[in-house]
Amino acid sequence: MPWVSLCQVDELAEGRGKYVEIGPFQLAVFLDQGKPYVIDNRCPHAGGSLSGGEVHDGHAVCPWHQWAFGLETGQLRGRPAVRIRVHKARLCERAVKPDLVQAELPIY
């Protein structure tokens, strides 16, 4: 799977989501304790936009009904059988420009 650049790290606010659409992927990008995370944007409960939520205790919290999904596992807190897709994420350091957040996405 190729690494795809999603945004510059300076476009993210610690603990807050950012919506990014790349081809068929609708993603929520978060920065938690300086580390980037990328998950599918759609909450399976009622379709809420997870990028509109915040991070609490390592979980992306849906702004509609407060369902909390682990940033590393995608599992719903308290109900691990319910999960969203998590994509591997990394920072791509650049010498002169802000670092990029990249995700490993299947070829589309």
Protein backbone atom coordinates (compact mmCIF):
# COMPACT_ATOMS: atom_id res chain seq x y z
CA MET A 1 0.00 0.00 0.00
CA PRO A 2 1.38 3.42 -0.87
CA TRP A 3 1.91 6.28 1.57
CA VAL A 4 -0.31 9.24 0.68
CA SER A 5 0.18 12.82 1.94
CA LEU A 6 -2.95 14.14 3.65
CA CYS A 7 -2.03 17.53 5.10
CA GLN A 8 0.74 19.53 6.73
CA VAL A 9 1.17 18.89 10.43
CA ASP A 10 0.73 22.62 11.14
CA GLU A 11 -2.87 22.32 9.82
CA LEU A 12 -3.72 20.16 12.84
CA ALA A 13 -4.53 21.27 16.36
CA GLU A 14 -3.60 18.89 19.16
CA GLY A 15 -6.66 16.83 20.14
CA ARG A 16 -8.93 18.17 17.38
CA GLY A 17 -9.94 16.48 14.14
CA LYS A 18 -9.44 17.50 10.53
CA TYR A 19 -11.47 16.14 7.61
CA VAL A 20 -9.49 14.97 4.58
CA GLU A 21 -10.93 13.42 1.42
CA ILE A 22 -8.55 11.49 -0.83
CA GLY A 23 -10.14 9.63 -3.75
CA PRO A 24 -12.81 7.35 -2.25
CA PHE A 25 -11.52 7.80 1.32
CA GLN A 26 -13.19 10.15 3.80
CA LEU A 27 -10.77 10.43 6.69
CA ALA A 28 -10.45 12.00 10.11
CA VAL A 29 -6.90 13.07 10.95
CA PHE A 30 -5.87 13.73 14.54
CA LEU A 31 -2.74 14.77 16.39
CA ASP A 32 -2.57 13.27 19.88
CA GLN A 33 0.50 13.94 22.02
CA GLY A 34 2.38 14.93 18.87
CA LYS A 35 1.61 11.69 17.03
CA PRO A 36 -0.64 11.58 13.93
CA TYR A 37 -3.60 9.22 13.66
CA VAL A 38 -5.86 8.55 10.67
CA ILE A 39 -9.24 6.83 10.91
CA ASP A 40 -12.32 6.56 8.75
CA ASN A 41 -14.42 9.66 9.25
CA ARG A 42 -17.90 8.12 9.51
CA CYS A 43 -19.19 6.99 12.91
CA PRO A 44 -21.08 3.68 12.46
CA HIS A 45 -23.73 4.69 15.00
CA ALA A 46 -25.53 7.47 13.14
CA GLY A 47 -23.08 8.60 10.48
CA GLY A 48 -21.55 11.45 12.47
CA SER A 49 -18.34 13.06 11.25
CA LEU A 50 -15.57 11.94 13.60
CA SER A 51 -13.32 14.73 12.33
CA GLY A 52 -15.68 17.17 14.03
CA GLY A 53 -14.89 15.58 17.39
CA GLU A 54 -12.04 15.73 19.85
CA VAL A 55 -9.56 13.31 21.35
CA HIS A 56 -10.08 12.23 24.96
CA ASP A 57 -7.88 9.62 26.58
CA GLY A 58 -6.57 8.27 23.26
CA HIS A 59 -10.05 8.05 21.71
CA ALA A 60 -11.70 10.05 18.94
CA VAL A 61 -15.08 11.08 20.31
CA CYS A 62 -17.98 11.52 17.90
CA PRO A 63 -19.55 14.97 18.36
CA TRP A 64 -23.09 13.65 17.81
CA HIS A 65 -23.52 10.97 20.51
CA GLN A 66 -20.07 10.78 22.17
CA TRP A 67 -19.15 7.32 20.90
CA ALA A 68 -15.39 7.00 21.53
CA PHE A 69 -13.12 5.02 19.20
CA GLY A 70 -9.52 4.10 20.04
CA LEU A 71 -7.11 5.94 17.78
CA GLU A 72 -4.81 2.92 17.63
CA THR A 73 -7.37 0.10 17.41
CA GLY A 74 -10.55 1.69 16.05
CA GLN A 75 -12.52 -0.13 18.75
CA LEU A 76 -15.50 1.46 20.42
CA ARG A 77 -14.79 2.03 24.11
CA GLY A 78 -16.63 -0.65 26.09
CA ARG A 79 -17.75 -2.56 22.96
CA PRO A 80 -14.63 -3.84 21.18
CA ALA A 81 -16.63 -5.74 18.54
CA VAL A 82 -17.74 -2.37 17.14
CA ARG A 83 -14.90 -0.72 15.30
CA ILE A 84 -13.90 1.70 12.58
CA ARG A 85 -11.00 1.38 10.18
CA VAL A 86 -7.62 2.71 11.32
CA HIS A 87 -4.95 3.60 8.76
CA LYS A 88 -1.23 3.56 9.52
CA ALA A 89 -0.01 7.14 9.83
CA ARG A 90 3.36 8.84 9.98
CA LEU A 91 5.04 12.22 9.85
CA CYS A 92 7.17 12.88 6.79
CA GLU A 93 9.82 15.36 7.86
CA ARG A 94 10.86 18.07 5.43
CA ALA A 95 13.85 20.35 5.88
CA VAL A 96 12.42 23.71 4.88
CA LYS A 97 8.64 23.21 4.87
CA PRO A 98 6.26 21.93 7.57
CA ASP A 99 6.19 18.16 8.07
CA LEU A 100 3.49 16.20 6.23
CA VAL A 101 1.01 13.75 7.72
CA GLN A 102 0.85 10.66 5.56
CA ALA A 103 -1.35 7.55 5.68
CA GLU A 104 -0.93 4.14 4.16
CA LEU A 105 -3.99 3.71 1.95
CA PRO A 106 -4.98 0.89 -0.36
CA ILE A 107 -4.61 1.76 -4.03
CA TYR A 108 -7.83 3.29 -5.31
